[in-house]
N, C-alpha and C. Protein backbone atom coordinates (compact mmCIF):
# COMPACT_ATOMS: atom_id res chain seq x y z
N MET A 1 13.08 -15.18 -27.28
CA MET A 1 12.65 -14.92 -25.91
C MET A 1 11.57 -14.24 -25.97
N ALA A 2 10.42 -14.37 -25.32
CA ALA A 2 9.18 -13.67 -25.44
C ALA A 2 8.95 -12.83 -24.12
N TYR A 3 8.60 -11.69 -24.46
CA TYR A 3 8.47 -10.61 -23.30
C TYR A 3 6.74 -10.17 -23.45
N ARG A 4 6.37 -10.62 -21.82
CA ARG A 4 5.06 -9.82 -21.54
C ARG A 4 4.73 -8.55 -21.20
N ARG A 5 3.67 -7.91 -21.68
CA ARG A 5 3.31 -6.67 -21.42
C ARG A 5 2.35 -6.74 -19.89
N GLY A 6 2.52 -5.74 -19.06
CA GLY A 6 1.34 -5.55 -18.20
C GLY A 6 1.50 -6.57 -17.21
N PRO A 7 0.50 -6.39 -16.11
CA PRO A 7 0.80 -7.33 -14.85
C PRO A 7 0.71 -8.66 -15.24
N GLN A 8 1.60 -9.59 -14.46
CA GLN A 8 1.36 -11.00 -14.67
C GLN A 8 0.68 -11.62 -13.71
N GLU A 9 0.26 -10.99 -12.82
CA GLU A 9 -0.33 -11.33 -11.41
C GLU A 9 -1.70 -10.61 -11.78
N PRO A 10 -3.03 -11.76 -11.35
CA PRO A 10 -4.39 -11.15 -11.39
C PRO A 10 -4.45 -10.02 -10.56
N ILE A 11 -5.19 -8.62 -10.96
CA ILE A 11 -5.50 -7.80 -10.36
C ILE A 11 -6.48 -7.95 -8.95
N PRO A 12 -6.57 -7.61 -7.76
CA PRO A 12 -7.63 -8.05 -7.02
C PRO A 12 -8.69 -7.03 -7.07
N GLU A 13 -9.92 -7.67 -7.12
CA GLU A 13 -11.02 -7.03 -7.21
C GLU A 13 -11.90 -6.78 -5.92
N VAL A 14 -12.86 -6.10 -5.76
CA VAL A 14 -13.75 -5.93 -4.61
C VAL A 14 -14.72 -5.23 -4.93
N GLU A 15 -15.83 -5.39 -4.01
CA GLU A 15 -17.26 -4.73 -4.50
C GLU A 15 -17.11 -3.20 -4.24
N THR A 16 -17.48 -2.50 -4.99
CA THR A 16 -17.16 -1.05 -4.81
C THR A 16 -18.74 -0.18 -5.05
N VAL A 17 -18.91 0.58 -4.26
CA VAL A 17 -20.38 1.56 -4.18
C VAL A 17 -19.90 2.38 -5.46
N VAL A 18 -20.88 2.69 -6.47
CA VAL A 18 -20.59 3.67 -7.45
C VAL A 18 -21.90 4.43 -7.55
N TRP A 19 -21.88 5.40 -8.40
CA TRP A 19 -22.87 6.11 -8.94
C TRP A 19 -22.94 5.89 -10.39
N SER A 20 -24.15 5.40 -10.96
CA SER A 20 -24.21 5.10 -12.24
C SER A 20 -25.44 6.25 -13.01
N CYS A 21 -25.12 6.77 -14.02
CA CYS A 21 -26.16 7.50 -14.57
C CYS A 21 -27.54 6.74 -14.84
N THR A 22 -28.59 7.59 -14.70
CA THR A 22 -30.05 6.78 -14.81
C THR A 22 -30.35 6.94 -16.58
N SER A 23 -29.90 7.66 -17.29
CA SER A 23 -30.01 8.06 -18.67
C SER A 23 -29.67 6.63 -19.52
N GLU A 24 -30.44 6.03 -20.40
CA GLU A 24 -30.23 4.95 -21.30
C GLU A 24 -29.23 5.46 -22.28
N GLU A 25 -29.01 6.59 -22.82
CA GLU A 25 -28.01 6.88 -23.60
C GLU A 25 -26.49 7.07 -23.31
N CYS A 26 -26.45 7.30 -21.83
CA CYS A 26 -25.39 7.53 -21.28
C CYS A 26 -24.62 6.57 -20.33
N SER A 27 -23.44 6.24 -20.22
CA SER A 27 -22.98 5.18 -19.56
C SER A 27 -21.85 5.38 -18.63
N CYS A 28 -22.17 6.63 -18.43
CA CYS A 28 -20.92 7.14 -17.31
C CYS A 28 -21.45 6.37 -15.95
N TRP A 29 -20.17 6.73 -15.22
CA TRP A 29 -20.56 6.01 -13.65
C TRP A 29 -19.19 6.61 -13.12
N MET A 30 -19.32 6.63 -11.96
CA MET A 30 -17.98 6.81 -11.00
C MET A 30 -17.99 6.25 -9.56
N ARG A 31 -16.63 6.16 -9.09
CA ARG A 31 -16.86 5.41 -7.75
C ARG A 31 -17.43 6.58 -6.86
N ASP A 32 -18.03 5.74 -5.61
CA ASP A 32 -18.64 6.98 -4.60
C ASP A 32 -17.37 7.78 -4.12
N ALA A 33 -15.95 7.12 -3.76
CA ALA A 33 -14.89 7.72 -3.37
C ALA A 33 -14.85 9.07 -4.16
N PHE A 34 -15.06 9.23 -5.45
CA PHE A 34 -14.44 10.36 -6.04
C PHE A 34 -16.04 11.38 -6.13
N SER A 35 -16.84 11.00 -5.64
CA SER A 35 -18.03 11.87 -5.69
C SER A 35 -18.21 12.82 -4.42
N ASN A 36 -18.42 14.04 -4.77
CA ASN A 36 -18.37 15.06 -3.76
C ASN A 36 -19.74 15.31 -3.34
N GLU A 37 -20.91 14.72 -3.75
CA GLU A 37 -22.15 14.74 -3.31
C GLU A 37 -22.88 13.54 -3.01
N GLU A 38 -24.13 13.68 -2.15
CA GLU A 38 -24.94 12.56 -1.81
C GLU A 38 -25.68 12.28 -3.14
N LYS A 39 -26.30 13.43 -3.51
CA LYS A 39 -27.17 13.07 -4.85
C LYS A 39 -26.59 13.65 -6.06
N THR A 40 -25.98 12.88 -6.83
CA THR A 40 -24.92 13.47 -7.73
C THR A 40 -25.54 13.36 -9.32
N VAL A 41 -24.98 14.30 -9.93
CA VAL A 41 -25.58 14.66 -11.24
C VAL A 41 -24.33 14.08 -11.93
N CYS A 42 -25.12 13.37 -13.35
CA CYS A 42 -23.88 13.00 -14.12
C CYS A 42 -23.06 14.35 -14.88
N PRO A 43 -21.76 14.12 -15.04
CA PRO A 43 -21.08 15.09 -15.27
C PRO A 43 -21.28 15.37 -16.78
N ILE A 44 -21.57 14.20 -17.39
CA ILE A 44 -21.63 14.07 -19.02
C ILE A 44 -23.03 14.64 -19.53
N CYS A 45 -24.09 14.37 -19.10
CA CYS A 45 -25.55 14.40 -19.65
C CYS A 45 -26.21 15.31 -18.57
N LYS A 46 -25.77 15.27 -17.26
CA LYS A 46 -26.35 16.27 -16.24
C LYS A 46 -27.57 15.41 -15.91
N SER A 47 -27.94 14.31 -16.14
CA SER A 47 -29.05 13.54 -15.50
C SER A 47 -28.73 12.99 -14.27
N GLU A 48 -29.90 12.35 -13.78
CA GLU A 48 -29.74 11.96 -12.14
C GLU A 48 -28.93 10.53 -12.05
N MET A 49 -28.17 10.52 -11.00
CA MET A 49 -27.43 9.36 -11.00
C MET A 49 -27.82 8.33 -9.79
N VAL A 50 -27.60 7.13 -9.67
CA VAL A 50 -28.18 6.33 -8.61
C VAL A 50 -27.07 5.49 -7.94
N GLN A 51 -27.16 5.19 -6.71
CA GLN A 51 -25.68 4.41 -6.05
C GLN A 51 -26.11 2.61 -6.74
N GLU A 52 -25.45 2.05 -6.98
CA GLU A 52 -25.17 0.55 -7.08
C GLU A 52 -23.72 -0.11 -6.77
N THR A 53 -23.58 -1.13 -6.83
CA THR A 53 -22.29 -1.63 -6.30
C THR A 53 -21.81 -2.46 -7.60
N ARG A 54 -20.76 -2.37 -7.92
CA ARG A 54 -19.83 -3.12 -8.88
C ARG A 54 -18.63 -3.87 -8.33
N VAL A 55 -18.02 -4.88 -9.00
CA VAL A 55 -17.18 -5.47 -8.70
C VAL A 55 -15.93 -4.68 -9.67
N LEU A 56 -14.94 -4.03 -8.98
CA LEU A 56 -13.74 -3.44 -9.58
C LEU A 56 -12.52 -3.67 -8.99
N PRO A 57 -11.41 -3.20 -9.93
CA PRO A 57 -10.27 -3.35 -9.39
C PRO A 57 -9.76 -2.69 -8.17
N VAL A 58 -9.23 -3.03 -7.17
CA VAL A 58 -8.61 -2.30 -5.94
C VAL A 58 -7.78 -1.09 -6.67
N ILE A 59 -8.12 0.09 -5.98
CA ILE A 59 -7.04 1.40 -6.40
C ILE A 59 -6.75 1.57 -5.07
N SER A 60 -5.14 2.14 -5.13
CA SER A 60 -4.58 2.62 -3.47
C SER A 60 -4.85 4.18 -3.85
């Protein structure tokens, strides 16, 4: 008998506003819902971050 790990149904995804780091050397990003400032600074490299939209799994 074979057992499967993880969810067997696809996880729903939705367009989500995120903040992305502008530095080419840094790949940091965060969901807008977890940001506490309008103009966010990257927590990794301290570069400026810009808003963009990504399709991400829904979180509750």
